[in-house]
Amino acid sequence: MDAFFQNIALPSFIAGIAFSFIGSFMAWSPPQEINGVVGYRTRRSMKSQAHWDFSQKYSGNIMGVGGLVMAVLSALSYFLPVAAAVKQTAGLIALVTLSVGMIVATELALKRKFKD
C-alpha cells in the first residue's frame, strides 16, 4: 500500500476526495443565509438571496463532480510509468485548474442567469 501512495498524485487524490465530499454537501445542503464565512462567497454570489442559493448549488455540483474525477485520475496515475515528482506536479496543476474553473464557471452562470 505504501508503494501505491508514493506513486500517485497524492495531493490531488486527497484534495479530490475532500472536494467531492464538500461539493456534494454544498449541493445537497447549501448554507441557507448569505454569510461571509461558509459557502461560495463572491461579490456576485452575495448580491441577493437568489444569487446565493443558485451559486451554492451550482458550485457545489462542479466541486463534487470535479473532485471525484480528480481523485479517480490521481489513483489511475499509479499505472503511468512517470516519475512521482511529475505526478505530484500534474496533480497540483489539476487542483488549481479545478478551483479556478469552478469559480469561472459559477461566475459565468450567475451572469447568464441573473443578467445584472
C-alpha atoms as a PDB file:
ATOM      1  CA  MET A   1       0.000   0.000   0.000  1.00  0.00           C
ATOM      2  CA  ASP A   2       2.917   2.361   0.643  1.00  0.00           C
ATOM      3  CA  ALA A   3       4.053   1.940  -2.962  1.00  0.00           C
ATOM      4  CA  PHE A   4       0.582   2.978  -4.134  1.00  0.00           C
ATOM      5  CA  PHE A   5       0.619   6.253  -2.195  1.00  0.00           C
ATOM      6  CA  GLN A   6       4.184   7.013  -3.237  1.00  0.00           C
ATOM      7  CA  ASN A   7       3.344   6.574  -6.917  1.00  0.00           C
ATOM      8  CA  ILE A   8       0.138   8.569  -7.335  1.00  0.00           C
ATOM      9  CA  ALA A   9      -0.522  12.286  -7.445  1.00  0.00           C
ATOM     10  CA  LEU A  10      -1.227  12.266  -3.712  1.00  0.00           C
ATOM     11  CA  PRO A  11      -2.126  15.952  -3.172  1.00  0.00           C
ATOM     12  CA  SER A  12      -4.738  15.854  -5.906  1.00  0.00           C
ATOM     13  CA  PHE A  13      -6.020  12.477  -4.686  1.00  0.00           C
ATOM     14  CA  ILE A  14      -6.633  13.822  -1.172  1.00  0.00           C
ATOM     15  CA  ALA A  15      -7.948  17.146  -2.467  1.00  0.00           C
ATOM     16  CA  GLY A  16     -10.199  15.323  -4.929  1.00  0.00           C
ATOM     17  CA  ILE A  17     -11.778  13.294  -2.135  1.00  0.00           C
ATOM     18  CA  ALA A  18     -12.177  16.417   0.008  1.00  0.00           C
ATOM     19  CA  PHE A  19     -13.643  18.422  -2.897  1.00  0.00           C
ATOM     20  CA  SER A  20     -16.030  15.595  -3.679  1.00  0.00           C
ATOM     21  CA  PHE A  21     -17.374  15.437  -0.116  1.00  0.00           C
ATOM     22  CA  ILE A  22     -17.524  19.202   0.399  1.00  0.00           C
ATOM     23  CA  GLY A  23     -19.058  19.829  -3.030  1.00  0.00           C
ATOM     24  CA  SER A  24     -21.688  17.140  -2.530  1.00  0.00           C
ATOM     25  CA  PHE A  25     -22.545  18.567   0.882  1.00  0.00           C
ATOM     26  CA  MET A  26     -22.836  22.094  -0.576  1.00  0.00           C
ATOM     27  CA  ALA A  27     -25.072  20.888  -3.407  1.00  0.00           C
ATOM     28  CA  TRP A  28     -27.382  18.851  -1.148  1.00  0.00           C
ATOM     29  CA  SER A  29     -27.376  21.073   1.920  1.00  0.00           C
ATOM     30  CA  PRO A  30     -26.148  24.551   0.981  1.00  0.00           C
ATOM     31  CA  PRO A  31     -25.792  27.371   3.503  1.00  0.00           C
ATOM     32  CA  GLN A  32     -29.246  28.932   3.721  1.00  0.00           C
ATOM     33  CA  GLU A  33     -28.322  32.507   4.566  1.00  0.00           C
ATOM     34  CA  ILE A  34     -25.800  34.827   2.962  1.00  0.00           C
ATOM     35  CA  ASN A  35     -22.721  34.930   5.165  1.00  0.00           C
ATOM     36  CA  GLY A  36     -19.042  35.749   4.928  1.00  0.00           C
ATOM     37  CA  VAL A  37     -17.766  32.502   6.439  1.00  0.00           C
ATOM     38  CA  VAL A  38     -19.227  29.379   4.789  1.00  0.00           C
ATOM     39  CA  GLY A  39     -20.099  28.678   1.171  1.00  0.00           C
ATOM     40  CA  TYR A  40     -19.235  30.052  -2.242  1.00  0.00           C
ATOM     41  CA  ARG A  41     -18.607  33.712  -1.453  1.00  0.00           C
ATOM     42  CA  THR A  42     -18.019  36.319  -4.130  1.00  0.00           C
ATOM     43  CA  ARG A  43     -19.441  39.784  -4.623  1.00  0.00           C
ATOM     44  CA  ARG A  44     -21.850  38.490  -7.281  1.00  0.00           C
ATOM     45  CA  SER A  45     -22.964  35.419  -5.287  1.00  0.00           C
ATOM     46  CA  MET A  46     -23.729  37.556  -2.235  1.00  0.00           C
ATOM     47  CA  LYS A  47     -25.749  40.145  -4.187  1.00  0.00           C
ATOM     48  CA  SER A  48     -29.135  38.638  -3.256  1.00  0.00           C
ATOM     49  CA  GLN A  49     -30.634  35.517  -1.734  1.00  0.00           C
ATOM     50  CA  ALA A  50     -31.479  34.183  -5.217  1.00  0.00           C
ATOM     51  CA  HIS A  51     -27.860  34.671  -6.328  1.00  0.00           C
ATOM     52  CA  TRP A  52     -26.670  32.978  -3.155  1.00  0.00           C
ATOM     53  CA  ASP A  53     -28.937  29.945  -3.448  1.00  0.00           C
ATOM     54  CA  PHE A  54     -28.069  29.390  -7.108  1.00  0.00           C
ATOM     55  CA  SER A  55     -24.312  29.784  -6.647  1.00  0.00           C
ATOM     56  CA  GLN A  56     -24.135  27.381  -3.691  1.00  0.00           C
ATOM     57  CA  LYS A  57     -25.759  24.523  -5.579  1.00  0.00           C
ATOM     58  CA  TYR A  58     -24.036  25.268  -8.891  1.00  0.00           C
ATOM     59  CA  SER A  59     -20.517  25.497  -7.446  1.00  0.00           C
ATOM     60  CA  GLY A  60     -21.200  22.510  -5.169  1.00  0.00           C
ATOM     61  CA  ASN A  61     -22.102  20.350  -8.157  1.00  0.00           C
ATOM     62  CA  ILE A  62     -18.980  21.375 -10.055  1.00  0.00           C
ATOM     63  CA  MET A  63     -16.814  20.842  -6.992  1.00  0.00           C
ATOM     64  CA  GLY A  64     -18.301  17.435  -6.214  1.00  0.00           C
ATOM     65  CA  VAL A  65     -18.033  16.031  -9.732  1.00  0.00           C
ATOM     66  CA  GLY A  66     -14.652  17.647 -10.386  1.00  0.00           C
ATOM     67  CA  GLY A  67     -13.283  16.302  -7.111  1.00  0.00           C
ATOM     68  CA  LEU A  68     -14.418  12.797  -7.936  1.00  0.00           C
ATOM     69  CA  VAL A  69     -12.830  12.958 -11.384  1.00  0.00           C
ATOM     70  CA  MET A  70      -9.616  14.344  -9.900  1.00  0.00           C
ATOM     71  CA  ALA A  71      -9.425  11.574  -7.283  1.00  0.00           C
ATOM     72  CA  VAL A  72     -10.025   8.841  -9.862  1.00  0.00           C
ATOM     73  CA  LEU A  73      -7.460  10.257 -12.290  1.00  0.00           C
ATOM     74  CA  SER A  74      -4.950  10.608  -9.456  1.00  0.00           C
ATOM     75  CA  ALA A  75      -5.460   6.977  -8.459  1.00  0.00           C
ATOM     76  CA  LEU A  76      -5.101   5.886 -12.077  1.00  0.00           C
ATOM     77  CA  SER A  77      -1.792   7.747 -12.278  1.00  0.00           C
ATOM     78  CA  TYR A  78      -0.347   4.798 -10.346  1.00  0.00           C
ATOM     79  CA  PHE A  79      -0.251   2.903 -13.613  1.00  0.00           C
ATOM     80  CA  LEU A  80       1.666   5.583 -15.534  1.00  0.00           C
ATOM     81  CA  PRO A  81       5.403   4.978 -15.903  1.00  0.00           C
ATOM     82  CA  VAL A  82       6.281   8.542 -14.915  1.00  0.00           C
ATOM     83  CA  ALA A  83       8.365   9.872 -12.020  1.00  0.00           C
ATOM     84  CA  ALA A  84       6.466  10.588  -8.802  1.00  0.00           C
ATOM     85  CA  ALA A  85       7.527  14.246  -8.911  1.00  0.00           C
ATOM     86  CA  VAL A  86       5.875  14.654 -12.309  1.00  0.00           C
ATOM     87  CA  LYS A  87       2.685  13.036 -10.993  1.00  0.00           C
ATOM     88  CA  GLN A  88       2.698  15.344  -7.973  1.00  0.00           C
ATOM     89  CA  THR A  89       3.155  18.410 -10.179  1.00  0.00           C
ATOM     90  CA  ALA A  90       0.384  17.303 -12.532  1.00  0.00           C
ATOM     91  CA  GLY A  91      -1.859  16.719  -9.521  1.00  0.00           C
ATOM     92  CA  LEU A  92      -1.262  20.215  -8.184  1.00  0.00           C
ATOM     93  CA  ILE A  93      -1.953  21.679 -11.625  1.00  0.00           C
ATOM     94  CA  ALA A  94      -5.231  19.716 -11.711  1.00  0.00           C
ATOM     95  CA  LEU A  95      -6.143  21.081  -8.270  1.00  0.00           C
ATOM     96  CA  VAL A  96      -5.558  24.692  -9.309  1.00  0.00           C
ATOM     97  CA  THR A  97      -7.374  24.136 -12.614  1.00  0.00           C
ATOM     98  CA  LEU A  98     -10.435  22.704 -10.866  1.00  0.00           C
ATOM     99  CA  SER A  99     -10.506  25.538  -8.331  1.00  0.00           C
ATOM    100  CA  VAL A 100     -10.180  28.308 -10.911  1.00  0.00           C
ATOM    101  CA  GLY A 101     -12.532  26.526 -13.313  1.00  0.00           C
ATOM    102  CA  MET A 102     -15.213  26.240 -10.638  1.00  0.00           C
ATOM    103  CA  ILE A 103     -15.030  29.958  -9.888  1.00  0.00           C
ATOM    104  CA  VAL A 104     -15.072  30.998 -13.555  1.00  0.00           C
ATOM    105  CA  ALA A 105     -17.931  28.629 -14.428  1.00  0.00           C
ATOM    106  CA  THR A 106     -20.030  29.724 -11.447  1.00  0.00           C
ATOM    107  CA  GLU A 107     -19.477  33.418 -12.119  1.00  0.00           C
ATOM    108  CA  LEU A 108     -20.403  32.985 -15.787  1.00  0.00           C
ATOM    109  CA  ALA A 109     -23.519  31.011 -14.836  1.00  0.00           C
ATOM    110  CA  LEU A 110     -24.536  33.727 -12.364  1.00  0.00           C
ATOM    111  CA  LYS A 111     -24.005  36.375 -15.024  1.00  0.00           C
ATOM    112  CA  ARG A 112     -26.110  34.444 -17.580  1.00  0.00           C
ATOM    113  CA  LYS A 113     -28.900  33.598 -15.157  1.00  0.00           C
ATOM    114  CA  PHE A 114     -29.319  36.981 -13.494  1.00  0.00           C
ATOM    115  CA  LYS A 115     -28.158  39.351 -16.265  1.00  0.00           C
ATOM    116  CA  ASP A 116     -27.007  42.012 -13.803  1.00  0.00           C
END
